[in-house]
């Protein structure tokens, strides 16, 4: 677990296009909040390769940035490829609607 983040970092590798790949696991209700906080806009994931076992692929613009990210959701984990700071902010940030901590 990364200190203070609640993120379980299983694997992280450099990606030429979008930044680092971070694998993590969170409860489904919290994941829904993270998705809503992470992405400003979603686009069709055309051209994004599908991993075996992936049940949902999200691609779009991260909130407050011109950068994009991919979030692949599996039954037991997620794989995020994009700016690490955007994921960290979404996981530990505040809900833009309620002003509460994300996931809470």
C-alpha atoms as a PDB file:
ATOM      1  CA  UNK A   1       0.000   0.000   0.000  1.00  0.00           C
ATOM      2  CA  UNK A   2       1.305   3.446  -0.831  1.00  0.00           C
ATOM      3  CA  UNK A   3       1.548   5.566   2.333  1.00  0.00           C
ATOM      4  CA  UNK A   4      -1.428   7.870   2.798  1.00  0.00           C
ATOM      5  CA  UNK A   5      -3.093   6.972  -0.487  1.00  0.00           C
ATOM      6  CA  UNK A   6      -4.944   3.710   0.141  1.00  0.00           C
ATOM      7  CA  UNK A   7      -3.578   2.549  -3.233  1.00  0.00           C
ATOM      8  CA  UNK A   8      -2.234  -0.951  -3.586  1.00  0.00           C
ATOM      9  CA  UNK A   9       0.501  -0.673  -6.167  1.00  0.00           C
ATOM     10  CA  UNK A  10       1.010  -4.075  -7.702  1.00  0.00           C
ATOM     11  CA  UNK A  11       2.747  -3.033 -10.878  1.00  0.00           C
ATOM     12  CA  UNK A  12       3.887   0.221 -12.384  1.00  0.00           C
ATOM     13  CA  UNK A  13       5.601   0.586 -15.731  1.00  0.00           C
ATOM     14  CA  UNK A  14       6.357   3.381 -18.139  1.00  0.00           C
ATOM     15  CA  UNK A  15       4.008   3.842 -21.070  1.00  0.00           C
ATOM     16  CA  UNK A  16       5.212   5.813 -24.071  1.00  0.00           C
ATOM     17  CA  UNK A  17       1.895   7.551 -24.684  1.00  0.00           C
ATOM     18  CA  UNK A  18       0.068   8.274 -21.453  1.00  0.00           C
ATOM     19  CA  UNK A  19       2.349   7.924 -18.471  1.00  0.00           C
ATOM     20  CA  UNK A  20       2.543   5.172 -15.905  1.00  0.00           C
ATOM     21  CA  UNK A  21       0.422   2.059 -15.517  1.00  0.00           C
ATOM     22  CA  UNK A  22      -0.873   1.661 -11.991  1.00  0.00           C
ATOM     23  CA  UNK A  23      -2.783  -1.406 -10.823  1.00  0.00           C
ATOM     24  CA  UNK A  24      -5.073  -0.943  -7.810  1.00  0.00           C
ATOM     25  CA  UNK A  25      -8.149  -2.328  -6.091  1.00  0.00           C
ATOM     26  CA  UNK A  26     -10.966  -0.386  -4.402  1.00  0.00           C
ATOM     27  CA  UNK A  27     -14.560  -1.236  -3.358  1.00  0.00           C
ATOM     28  CA  UNK A  28     -17.117  -0.797  -6.182  1.00  0.00           C
ATOM     29  CA  UNK A  29     -18.963   2.196  -4.608  1.00  0.00           C
ATOM     30  CA  UNK A  30     -15.670   4.029  -4.117  1.00  0.00           C
ATOM     31  CA  UNK A  31     -14.570   3.171  -7.661  1.00  0.00           C
ATOM     32  CA  UNK A  32     -17.723   4.839  -9.022  1.00  0.00           C
ATOM     33  CA  UNK A  33     -16.806   8.040  -7.191  1.00  0.00           C
ATOM     34  CA  UNK A  34     -13.197   7.841  -8.378  1.00  0.00           C
ATOM     35  CA  UNK A  35     -14.331   7.528 -12.009  1.00  0.00           C
ATOM     36  CA  UNK A  36     -16.611  10.542 -11.676  1.00  0.00           C
ATOM     37  CA  UNK A  37     -13.879  12.583 -10.023  1.00  0.00           C
ATOM     38  CA  UNK A  38     -11.052  11.440 -12.321  1.00  0.00           C
ATOM     39  CA  UNK A  39     -12.586  12.073 -15.739  1.00  0.00           C
ATOM     40  CA  UNK A  40     -13.858  15.401 -17.044  1.00  0.00           C
ATOM     41  CA  UNK A  41     -15.072  13.869 -20.306  1.00  0.00           C
ATOM     42  CA  UNK A  42     -15.176  10.350 -21.734  1.00  0.00           C
ATOM     43  CA  UNK A  43     -14.546   9.324 -25.337  1.00  0.00           C
ATOM     44  CA  UNK A  44     -15.030   5.993 -27.109  1.00  0.00           C
ATOM     45  CA  UNK A  45     -11.966   3.825 -26.425  1.00  0.00           C
ATOM     46  CA  UNK A  46     -11.354   3.166 -30.141  1.00  0.00           C
ATOM     47  CA  UNK A  47      -7.860   1.855 -30.696  1.00  0.00           C
ATOM     48  CA  UNK A  48      -7.328   1.004 -27.017  1.00  0.00           C
ATOM     49  CA  UNK A  49      -6.330  -2.643 -26.778  1.00  0.00           C
ATOM     50  CA  UNK A  50      -8.608  -4.812 -24.657  1.00  0.00           C
ATOM     51  CA  UNK A  51      -6.979  -6.969 -22.011  1.00  0.00           C
ATOM     52  CA  UNK A  52      -8.256 -10.460 -21.311  1.00  0.00           C
ATOM     53  CA  UNK A  53     -10.718 -10.356 -18.426  1.00  0.00           C
ATOM     54  CA  UNK A  54     -11.331  -6.611 -18.661  1.00  0.00           C
ATOM     55  CA  UNK A  55     -15.043  -5.889 -18.140  1.00  0.00           C
ATOM     56  CA  UNK A  56     -14.983  -2.130 -18.859  1.00  0.00           C
ATOM     57  CA  UNK A  57     -12.542   0.244 -20.565  1.00  0.00           C
ATOM     58  CA  UNK A  58     -12.856   3.989 -19.964  1.00  0.00           C
ATOM     59  CA  UNK A  59     -10.871   6.569 -21.926  1.00  0.00           C
ATOM     60  CA  UNK A  60     -11.025  10.311 -21.630  1.00  0.00           C
ATOM     61  CA  UNK A  61      -9.746  13.664 -20.513  1.00  0.00           C
ATOM     62  CA  UNK A  62      -8.708  13.879 -16.881  1.00  0.00           C
ATOM     63  CA  UNK A  63     -10.308  16.611 -14.807  1.00  0.00           C
ATOM     64  CA  UNK A  64      -8.476  19.930 -14.825  1.00  0.00           C
ATOM     65  CA  UNK A  65      -5.947  18.904 -17.491  1.00  0.00           C
ATOM     66  CA  UNK A  66      -5.521  18.442 -21.220  1.00  0.00           C
ATOM     67  CA  UNK A  67      -4.076  14.982 -20.594  1.00  0.00           C
ATOM     68  CA  UNK A  68      -5.927  11.736 -21.246  1.00  0.00           C
ATOM     69  CA  UNK A  69      -6.072   8.464 -19.332  1.00  0.00           C
ATOM     70  CA  UNK A  70      -7.323   4.900 -19.684  1.00  0.00           C
ATOM     71  CA  UNK A  71      -8.973   2.999 -16.855  1.00  0.00           C
ATOM     72  CA  UNK A  72      -9.485  -0.730 -17.385  1.00  0.00           C
ATOM     73  CA  UNK A  73     -11.835  -2.302 -14.860  1.00  0.00           C
ATOM     74  CA  UNK A  74     -11.615  -5.996 -13.978  1.00  0.00           C
ATOM     75  CA  UNK A  75     -13.685  -7.916 -11.452  1.00  0.00           C
ATOM     76  CA  UNK A  76     -10.936  -7.800  -8.825  1.00  0.00           C
ATOM     77  CA  UNK A  77      -8.763  -4.808  -9.782  1.00  0.00           C
ATOM     78  CA  UNK A  78      -8.258  -1.832 -12.078  1.00  0.00           C
ATOM     79  CA  UNK A  79      -5.409  -0.779 -14.342  1.00  0.00           C
ATOM     80  CA  UNK A  80      -4.925   2.939 -14.834  1.00  0.00           C
ATOM     81  CA  UNK A  81      -2.680   4.430 -17.510  1.00  0.00           C
ATOM     82  CA  UNK A  82      -2.273   8.178 -17.345  1.00  0.00           C
ATOM     83  CA  UNK A  83      -0.856  10.933 -15.202  1.00  0.00           C
ATOM     84  CA  UNK A  84      -0.239   9.455 -11.721  1.00  0.00           C
ATOM     85  CA  UNK A  85      -1.064  12.787 -10.082  1.00  0.00           C
ATOM     86  CA  UNK A  86      -4.582  12.712 -11.571  1.00  0.00           C
ATOM     87  CA  UNK A  87      -5.331   9.277 -10.076  1.00  0.00           C
ATOM     88  CA  UNK A  88      -3.865  10.274  -6.726  1.00  0.00           C
ATOM     89  CA  UNK A  89      -6.036  13.420  -6.684  1.00  0.00           C
ATOM     90  CA  UNK A  90      -9.170  11.446  -7.614  1.00  0.00           C
ATOM     91  CA  UNK A  91      -8.530   8.802  -4.967  1.00  0.00           C
ATOM     92  CA  UNK A  92      -7.713  11.215  -2.178  1.00  0.00           C
ATOM     93  CA  UNK A  93      -9.443  14.348  -3.341  1.00  0.00           C
ATOM     94  CA  UNK A  94     -12.799  15.863  -2.641  1.00  0.00           C
ATOM     95  CA  UNK A  95     -16.093  15.193  -4.366  1.00  0.00           C
ATOM     96  CA  UNK A  96     -16.825  18.177  -6.645  1.00  0.00           C
ATOM     97  CA  UNK A  97     -20.565  17.834  -5.930  1.00  0.00           C
ATOM     98  CA  UNK A  98     -20.673  17.299  -2.171  1.00  0.00           C
ATOM     99  CA  UNK A  99     -17.372  18.798  -1.065  1.00  0.00           C
ATOM    100  CA  UNK A 100     -16.589  15.526   0.732  1.00  0.00           C
ATOM    101  CA  UNK A 101     -13.657  13.185   0.428  1.00  0.00           C
ATOM    102  CA  UNK A 102     -13.922  11.027  -2.705  1.00  0.00           C
ATOM    103  CA  UNK A 103     -15.491   7.665  -1.978  1.00  0.00           C
ATOM    104  CA  UNK A 104     -17.086   8.951   1.205  1.00  0.00           C
END
